[in-house]
Structures are given as C-alpha cells and as structure tokens.
Amino acid sequence: MKTINRTALTIIPKQLYADWISSFENVHEYDGNQATTILIPDKYDEIDYETYLKKIYKEIFEEQLESWISDPDTWPKKRDYKIFKEWFNVICSDMTWDYGDGDIEHEEF
C-alpha cells in the first residue's frame, strides 16, 4: 500500500440537489447514496482546501448537474459558491492511500 501525492475531496449531495433531481420526470430516482471524489494538488490540506475548491467549484457543480440532466437550460441559473455549499457537503482527506494493484490510469473527458 502506498500514499499518493494528492488531497482527496469528496463531494456529497445534500437535499437541495436531490430535490432538484426529483423535480424532473423520466429521471432515475436519486437514492442519496452517490458521492464524487476528486483529487487536488497535495499542497492543499484539511485547513486550506477551500482555497482551491473556490477556484474549481463551478466546474464541479456543473459536472454534478450534468451527470443527471445534460441540458444546461434546466440547471439553476444561480450557481455561485454559496449555492454550491448549500447543495453539497465537501469532505477533505489529506492522506490518500492507494490499495490498488498496478498503475493508476487516466482517462480524458
């Protein structure tokens, strides 16, 4: 087992996000168990990760919205940092362990 030189942020949807998803017809039911983990530079830790998060929150917010509804016209018009924090909890893990075998592979989107 090895550590990696990244800090992990886990993005956990709150009720407002679930309510937004539920407002659409023909969308799979949101069960509240989804979370997304992203890796950021390891110079940010549990004390100052929000400095970096404030730089990238909009991209994360839009990726979370698009994962359910791809039409940006249906997304909330106001998507500032305050709204992001109302819709998502963020947990910081400044120690990330790699228990996997082999090299980590990257896939571009």
Protein backbone atom coordinates (compact mmCIF):
# COMPACT_ATOMS: atom_id res chain seq x y z
CA MET A 1 0.00 0.00 0.00
CA LYS A 2 1.23 3.49 -0.88
CA THR A 3 0.09 7.05 -0.39
CA ILE A 4 -0.37 9.31 -3.40
CA ASN A 5 0.61 12.95 -3.66
CA ARG A 6 -2.92 14.29 -3.85
CA THR A 7 -5.56 15.54 -1.47
CA ALA A 8 -8.99 13.98 -1.98
CA LEU A 9 -12.22 15.96 -1.79
CA THR A 10 -15.45 14.01 -1.57
CA ILE A 11 -18.49 15.88 -2.87
CA ILE A 12 -21.67 14.69 -1.14
CA PRO A 13 -25.04 15.92 -2.42
CA LYS A 14 -27.44 17.49 0.05
CA GLN A 15 -31.25 17.55 -0.01
CA LEU A 16 -31.48 20.56 -2.36
CA TYR A 17 -29.64 18.59 -5.04
CA ALA A 18 -31.90 15.57 -4.51
CA ASP A 19 -34.97 17.82 -4.70
CA TRP A 20 -33.74 19.32 -7.98
CA ILE A 21 -33.24 15.85 -9.49
CA SER A 22 -36.64 14.71 -8.27
CA SER A 23 -38.32 17.67 -9.95
CA PHE A 24 -37.79 16.08 -13.39
CA GLU A 25 -39.91 13.41 -14.98
CA ASN A 26 -38.27 10.39 -16.59
CA VAL A 27 -35.16 10.64 -14.40
CA HIS A 28 -33.96 7.65 -12.43
CA GLU A 29 -34.79 8.00 -8.77
CA TYR A 30 -31.99 9.53 -6.75
CA ASP A 31 -31.31 7.36 -3.72
CA GLY A 32 -28.98 9.75 -1.92
CA ASN A 33 -26.02 7.37 -1.84
CA GLN A 34 -23.95 8.95 -4.59
CA ALA A 35 -20.76 10.84 -3.92
CA THR A 36 -17.92 12.03 -6.11
CA THR A 37 -14.28 12.11 -5.08
CA ILE A 38 -11.81 14.36 -6.83
CA LEU A 39 -8.07 14.67 -6.38
CA ILE A 40 -6.45 18.07 -6.00
CA PRO A 41 -2.82 19.14 -5.50
CA ASP A 42 -1.41 17.90 -2.20
CA LYS A 43 -0.25 21.37 -1.17
CA TYR A 44 -3.87 21.89 -0.07
CA ASP A 45 -4.91 20.09 3.08
CA GLU A 46 -7.82 19.95 5.51
CA ILE A 47 -7.05 23.52 6.60
CA ASP A 48 -6.84 25.30 3.24
CA TYR A 49 -8.50 23.02 0.67
CA GLU A 50 -11.30 25.56 0.32
CA THR A 51 -8.83 27.96 -1.33
CA TYR A 52 -8.56 25.53 -4.24
CA LEU A 53 -12.22 24.49 -4.11
CA LYS A 54 -13.28 28.10 -4.66
CA LYS A 55 -11.27 28.06 -7.92
CA ILE A 56 -12.93 24.91 -9.28
CA TYR A 57 -16.37 24.70 -7.62
CA LYS A 58 -18.22 25.90 -10.73
CA GLU A 59 -16.80 23.08 -12.85
CA ILE A 60 -17.65 20.53 -10.13
CA PHE A 61 -21.15 21.98 -9.72
CA GLU A 62 -21.82 21.77 -13.46
CA GLU A 63 -20.43 18.23 -13.68
CA GLN A 64 -22.77 17.17 -10.87
CA LEU A 65 -25.75 18.76 -12.61
CA GLU A 66 -24.82 17.29 -15.99
CA SER A 67 -24.49 13.81 -14.52
CA TRP A 68 -28.29 13.85 -14.13
CA ILE A 69 -29.62 16.41 -16.61
CA SER A 70 -27.48 17.28 -19.64
CA ASP A 71 -29.47 20.35 -20.72
CA PRO A 72 -27.85 23.42 -19.11
CA ASP A 73 -31.06 25.41 -19.66
CA THR A 74 -32.67 23.33 -16.90
CA TRP A 75 -29.86 23.94 -14.39
CA PRO A 76 -30.25 26.51 -11.63
CA LYS A 77 -29.41 29.94 -13.01
CA LYS A 78 -27.52 30.99 -9.89
CA ARG A 79 -24.52 28.73 -9.31
CA ASP A 80 -22.22 30.70 -7.05
CA TYR A 81 -20.06 29.29 -4.25
CA LYS A 82 -22.72 29.91 -1.61
CA ILE A 83 -25.27 27.88 -3.59
CA PHE A 84 -22.69 25.15 -4.21
CA LYS A 85 -22.17 24.81 -0.44
CA GLU A 86 -25.95 24.71 0.08
CA TRP A 87 -26.25 21.84 -2.41
CA PHE A 88 -23.12 19.82 -1.46
CA ASN A 89 -21.07 18.83 1.56
CA VAL A 90 -17.34 18.58 0.95
CA ILE A 91 -15.08 16.31 2.98
CA CYS A 92 -11.31 16.66 2.73
CA SER A 93 -8.91 13.73 3.03
CA ASP A 94 -5.35 14.96 3.04
CA MET A 95 -3.97 11.41 3.28
CA THR A 96 -4.94 9.27 0.28
CA TRP A 97 -3.89 5.63 0.22
CA ASP A 98 -3.64 3.53 -2.93
CA TYR A 99 -4.64 -0.07 -2.23
CA GLY A 100 -4.96 -0.95 -5.90
CA ASP A 101 -2.60 -3.05 -7.97
CA GLY A 102 -0.83 -1.57 -10.97
CA ASP A 103 -0.53 1.96 -12.19
CA ILE A 104 -3.32 4.50 -11.93
CA GLU A 105 -4.74 5.14 -15.39
CA HIS A 106 -6.12 8.47 -16.55
CA GLU A 107 -8.99 8.90 -18.97
CA GLU A 108 -9.63 12.24 -20.62
CA PHE A 109 -13.21 13.53 -20.97
